[in-house]
């Protein structure tokens, strides 16, 4: 890959900071694909800027990242939180990515934002049901905190 290609690829990825935030959150391409009902190869293309992310899916991913940050920050504030400087650096990087993505999402059509919010709400409710049944979820905090 030439220097020009690296700069171009970097610019494309930076067009959607949510992917950088989710990377800090250790949310895998496979998990994102599963949540969105697409092939992992499609998520990879979105991450690499080789394909356009549908607006509603971009909104969903932004809500997902915000949710991850809320849950981790709640866990960190609780007695016995895992903390540590490495976790703080990851949290700060994810917060920065979320803020950038939220600014960019302001230009998305309102219908796409609504669809993304509906998809996130359905995912969040299904996850709550899974957790009540003691089923493992790819969004399990313990697995995120250990990595």
Protein backbone atom coordinates (compact mmCIF):
# COMPACT_ATOMS: atom_id res chain seq x y z
CA UNK A 1 0.00 0.00 0.00
CA UNK A 2 1.43 3.37 -0.98
CA UNK A 3 1.52 6.43 1.28
CA UNK A 4 -1.27 7.93 -0.84
CA UNK A 5 -3.42 4.82 -0.33
CA UNK A 6 -2.83 4.91 3.44
CA UNK A 7 -3.83 8.57 3.63
CA UNK A 8 -6.90 7.91 1.50
CA UNK A 9 -7.91 4.89 3.60
CA UNK A 10 -7.37 6.86 6.80
CA UNK A 11 -9.56 9.68 5.49
CA UNK A 12 -12.33 7.25 4.59
CA UNK A 13 -12.28 5.59 8.00
CA UNK A 14 -12.24 8.98 9.69
CA UNK A 15 -15.42 9.82 7.78
CA UNK A 16 -17.17 7.55 10.31
CA UNK A 17 -15.48 7.93 13.70
CA UNK A 18 -18.01 5.53 15.23
CA UNK A 19 -15.92 2.65 13.88
CA UNK A 20 -12.88 3.93 15.76
CA UNK A 21 -14.98 4.18 18.94
CA UNK A 22 -16.35 0.67 18.52
CA UNK A 23 -12.82 -0.58 17.95
CA UNK A 24 -11.85 0.95 21.31
CA UNK A 25 -14.90 -0.80 22.75
CA UNK A 26 -13.55 -4.09 21.38
CA UNK A 27 -16.77 -4.68 19.49
CA UNK A 28 -15.79 -7.04 16.69
CA UNK A 29 -16.74 -6.83 13.05
CA UNK A 30 -18.58 -10.13 13.48
CA UNK A 31 -20.62 -8.76 16.42
CA UNK A 32 -21.53 -5.59 14.50
CA UNK A 33 -22.56 -7.68 11.50
CA UNK A 34 -24.70 -9.93 13.69
CA UNK A 35 -26.44 -6.96 15.31
CA UNK A 36 -27.16 -5.36 11.94
CA UNK A 37 -28.03 -8.54 10.06
CA UNK A 38 -25.31 -8.11 7.43
CA UNK A 39 -22.24 -10.09 6.44
CA UNK A 40 -18.99 -9.36 8.30
CA UNK A 41 -17.41 -8.58 4.93
CA UNK A 42 -19.88 -5.71 4.51
CA UNK A 43 -18.91 -4.24 7.90
CA UNK A 44 -15.26 -4.52 6.88
CA UNK A 45 -16.02 -2.60 3.69
CA UNK A 46 -17.75 0.10 5.73
CA UNK A 47 -14.81 0.31 8.13
CA UNK A 48 -12.34 0.58 5.25
CA UNK A 49 -14.41 3.13 3.34
CA UNK A 50 -14.98 0.74 0.43
CA UNK A 51 -18.77 0.91 0.76
CA UNK A 52 -21.21 3.52 1.96
CA UNK A 53 -22.79 2.87 5.35
CA UNK A 54 -26.60 3.18 5.17
CA UNK A 55 -27.64 6.17 7.26
CA UNK A 56 -29.95 4.20 9.57
CA UNK A 57 -27.18 1.69 10.30
CA UNK A 58 -24.76 4.54 11.02
CA UNK A 59 -27.27 5.97 13.50
CA UNK A 60 -27.67 2.52 15.11
CA UNK A 61 -23.89 2.19 15.52
CA UNK A 62 -23.74 5.63 17.13
CA UNK A 63 -26.44 4.64 19.65
CA UNK A 64 -24.56 1.40 20.25
CA UNK A 65 -21.33 3.22 21.05
CA UNK A 66 -23.13 5.66 23.35
CA UNK A 67 -24.72 2.72 25.17
CA UNK A 68 -21.35 1.00 25.58
CA UNK A 69 -19.85 4.16 27.06
CA UNK A 70 -22.78 4.54 29.48
CA UNK A 71 -22.47 0.95 30.66
CA UNK A 72 -18.70 1.04 31.06
CA UNK A 73 -18.77 4.37 32.87
CA UNK A 74 -21.46 3.04 35.23
CA UNK A 75 -19.29 -0.03 35.87
CA UNK A 76 -16.23 2.15 36.46
CA UNK A 77 -18.10 4.26 39.04
CA UNK A 78 -19.33 1.23 40.96
CA UNK A 79 -17.34 -0.13 43.91
CA UNK A 80 -14.74 -2.54 42.59
CA UNK A 81 -14.73 -0.98 39.11
CA UNK A 82 -11.88 -2.21 36.94
CA UNK A 83 -10.48 1.24 36.07
CA UNK A 84 -6.85 1.70 35.21
CA UNK A 85 -5.09 4.05 32.86
CA UNK A 86 -5.43 1.78 29.82
CA UNK A 87 -9.20 1.67 30.27
CA UNK A 88 -9.31 5.45 30.76
CA UNK A 89 -7.42 5.97 27.50
CA UNK A 90 -9.81 3.66 25.64
CA UNK A 91 -12.82 5.42 27.16
CA UNK A 92 -11.50 8.85 26.20
CA UNK A 93 -10.79 7.72 22.63
CA UNK A 94 -14.29 6.23 22.38
CA UNK A 95 -15.86 9.43 23.82
CA UNK A 96 -14.00 11.53 21.27
CA UNK A 97 -15.13 9.28 18.43
CA UNK A 98 -18.72 9.43 19.67
CA UNK A 99 -18.70 13.25 19.81
CA UNK A 100 -17.31 13.45 16.28
CA UNK A 101 -19.86 10.97 14.97
CA UNK A 102 -22.74 12.81 16.65
CA UNK A 103 -21.69 16.03 14.91
CA UNK A 104 -21.61 14.23 11.56
CA UNK A 105 -24.94 12.54 12.24
CA UNK A 106 -26.58 15.97 12.54
CA UNK A 107 -26.66 16.09 8.74
CA UNK A 108 -28.37 12.69 8.38
CA UNK A 109 -32.01 12.63 7.31
CA UNK A 110 -34.35 12.52 10.31
CA UNK A 111 -36.00 9.36 8.98
CA UNK A 112 -32.66 7.56 9.04
CA UNK A 113 -32.04 8.67 12.62
CA UNK A 114 -35.50 7.41 13.61
CA UNK A 115 -34.92 4.04 11.91
CA UNK A 116 -31.52 3.72 13.60
CA UNK A 117 -33.10 4.54 16.97
CA UNK A 118 -35.87 1.96 16.41
CA UNK A 119 -33.32 -0.71 15.47
CA UNK A 120 -31.24 0.12 18.54
CA UNK A 121 -34.29 0.04 20.81
CA UNK A 122 -35.28 -3.40 19.47
CA UNK A 123 -31.70 -4.67 19.93
CA UNK A 124 -31.52 -3.24 23.46
CA UNK A 125 -34.84 -4.84 24.49
CA UNK A 126 -33.80 -8.21 23.04
CA UNK A 127 -30.52 -7.98 24.93
CA UNK A 128 -32.34 -7.30 28.19
CA UNK A 129 -34.44 -10.42 27.65
CA UNK A 130 -31.29 -12.46 26.87
CA UNK A 131 -29.61 -11.24 30.04
CA UNK A 132 -32.65 -12.16 32.13
CA UNK A 133 -32.35 -15.67 30.74
CA UNK A 134 -28.64 -15.71 31.64
CA UNK A 135 -27.78 -16.05 27.97
CA UNK A 136 -24.37 -14.77 26.91
CA UNK A 137 -24.42 -11.60 24.85
CA UNK A 138 -21.61 -10.23 22.67
CA UNK A 139 -22.14 -7.05 24.65
CA UNK A 140 -21.22 -8.64 27.96
CA UNK A 141 -19.31 -6.11 30.06
CA UNK A 142 -17.03 -8.70 31.60
CA UNK A 143 -15.59 -9.64 28.21
CA UNK A 144 -15.05 -5.98 27.32
CA UNK A 145 -13.34 -5.12 30.60
CA UNK A 146 -10.99 -8.09 30.55
CA UNK A 147 -9.56 -7.31 27.10
